[in-house]
């Protein structure tokens, strides 16, 4: 949207699909979030205008909570390697 609050464009959805956990890159050029757009929660990035949607993960378990590194070169996120796994971990992934 513009600084005056006009020209609002919705980029994410409450469901379905369900988009959550948005995080802006430090330079303001990309947004990362997790979404059920392709079934279970996966990590995505897009440009601030909604273009350039890119899926970063493809896993049978849920990937969620993406956050950018301070220099914007990596994204950390929580991942469940398998849907039945009870363990989670933070995995750095190169940003695109």
Protein backbone atom coordinates (compact mmCIF):
# COMPACT_ATOMS: atom_id res chain seq x y z
CA UNK A 1 0.00 0.00 0.00
CA UNK A 2 1.00 3.61 -0.29
CA UNK A 3 2.22 5.62 2.69
CA UNK A 4 -1.21 7.29 2.93
CA UNK A 5 -2.94 3.90 3.31
CA UNK A 6 -4.44 3.73 -0.19
CA UNK A 7 -3.88 1.03 -2.85
CA UNK A 8 -3.94 -1.88 -0.40
CA UNK A 9 -3.04 -5.22 -2.02
CA UNK A 10 -3.53 -8.47 -0.11
CA UNK A 11 -0.49 -10.76 -0.48
CA UNK A 12 -1.24 -13.52 2.05
CA UNK A 13 -4.40 -15.34 3.09
CA UNK A 14 -6.00 -16.70 6.28
CA UNK A 15 -7.08 -19.87 4.52
CA UNK A 16 -7.24 -21.81 2.47
CA UNK A 17 -4.43 -21.54 1.66
CA UNK A 18 -3.18 -20.60 5.08
CA UNK A 19 -0.23 -18.15 5.10
CA UNK A 20 1.58 -17.30 8.33
CA UNK A 21 4.83 -16.08 9.84
CA UNK A 22 5.80 -13.28 7.47
CA UNK A 23 9.27 -11.79 7.78
CA UNK A 24 10.78 -8.94 5.73
CA UNK A 25 14.33 -9.24 4.44
CA UNK A 26 16.69 -6.66 6.01
CA UNK A 27 16.89 -4.72 2.73
CA UNK A 28 13.09 -4.73 2.30
CA UNK A 29 13.33 -6.44 -1.09
CA UNK A 30 11.77 -9.84 -0.20
CA UNK A 31 9.20 -11.32 2.18
CA UNK A 32 9.36 -14.86 3.54
CA UNK A 33 6.46 -16.78 5.08
CA UNK A 34 5.13 -20.31 5.55
CA UNK A 35 2.04 -21.51 3.72
CA UNK A 36 -0.16 -24.51 2.93
CA UNK A 37 -0.36 -23.46 -0.76
CA UNK A 38 1.01 -26.87 -1.82
CA UNK A 39 -0.50 -29.09 0.90
CA UNK A 40 1.41 -28.87 4.18
CA UNK A 41 3.34 -25.87 5.51
CA UNK A 42 6.35 -25.00 3.34
CA UNK A 43 8.61 -21.91 3.20
CA UNK A 44 8.13 -19.31 0.45
CA UNK A 45 9.54 -15.94 -0.57
CA UNK A 46 8.04 -13.21 -2.72
CA UNK A 47 8.60 -9.61 -3.71
CA UNK A 48 6.76 -6.89 -1.77
CA UNK A 49 4.25 -6.53 -4.64
CA UNK A 50 3.41 -10.27 -4.54
CA UNK A 51 5.38 -11.16 -7.68
CA UNK A 52 8.27 -13.63 -7.79
CA UNK A 53 6.65 -16.23 -5.53
CA UNK A 54 9.26 -18.93 -4.84
CA UNK A 55 8.82 -22.12 -2.82
CA UNK A 56 12.03 -22.82 -0.88
CA UNK A 57 11.21 -26.11 0.86
CA UNK A 58 9.55 -29.38 -0.08
CA UNK A 59 9.23 -31.74 2.82
CA UNK A 60 6.68 -34.32 4.01
CA UNK A 61 6.67 -32.60 7.42
CA UNK A 62 5.84 -29.01 8.26
CA UNK A 63 8.33 -26.17 7.73
CA UNK A 64 7.46 -22.97 9.58
CA UNK A 65 8.62 -19.78 11.32
CA UNK A 66 11.01 -18.37 8.70
CA UNK A 67 13.25 -15.46 9.75
CA UNK A 68 16.00 -13.71 7.80
CA UNK A 69 19.59 -13.57 9.00
CA UNK A 70 20.73 -10.01 9.83
CA UNK A 71 22.68 -9.76 6.57
CA UNK A 72 19.78 -11.18 4.51
CA UNK A 73 21.79 -14.05 3.01
CA UNK A 74 20.05 -16.89 4.87
CA UNK A 75 16.64 -17.85 6.20
CA UNK A 76 16.29 -19.90 9.39
CA UNK A 77 13.13 -21.92 9.92
CA UNK A 78 11.71 -24.74 12.00
CA UNK A 79 11.36 -28.05 10.17
CA UNK A 80 9.85 -31.43 10.89
CA UNK A 81 11.60 -33.95 8.68
CA UNK A 82 8.61 -36.29 8.84
CA UNK A 83 5.02 -35.68 9.83
CA UNK A 84 5.37 -38.17 12.69
CA UNK A 85 8.62 -36.70 14.04
CA UNK A 86 8.49 -34.99 17.43
CA UNK A 87 11.89 -33.32 17.08
CA UNK A 88 12.42 -29.93 15.49
CA UNK A 89 15.42 -27.86 14.61
CA UNK A 90 16.51 -24.63 12.99
CA UNK A 91 17.92 -25.04 9.52
CA UNK A 92 19.77 -22.27 7.66
CA UNK A 93 18.87 -22.08 3.99
CA UNK A 94 20.40 -19.80 1.38
CA UNK A 95 18.04 -16.97 0.46
CA UNK A 96 17.03 -16.46 -3.13
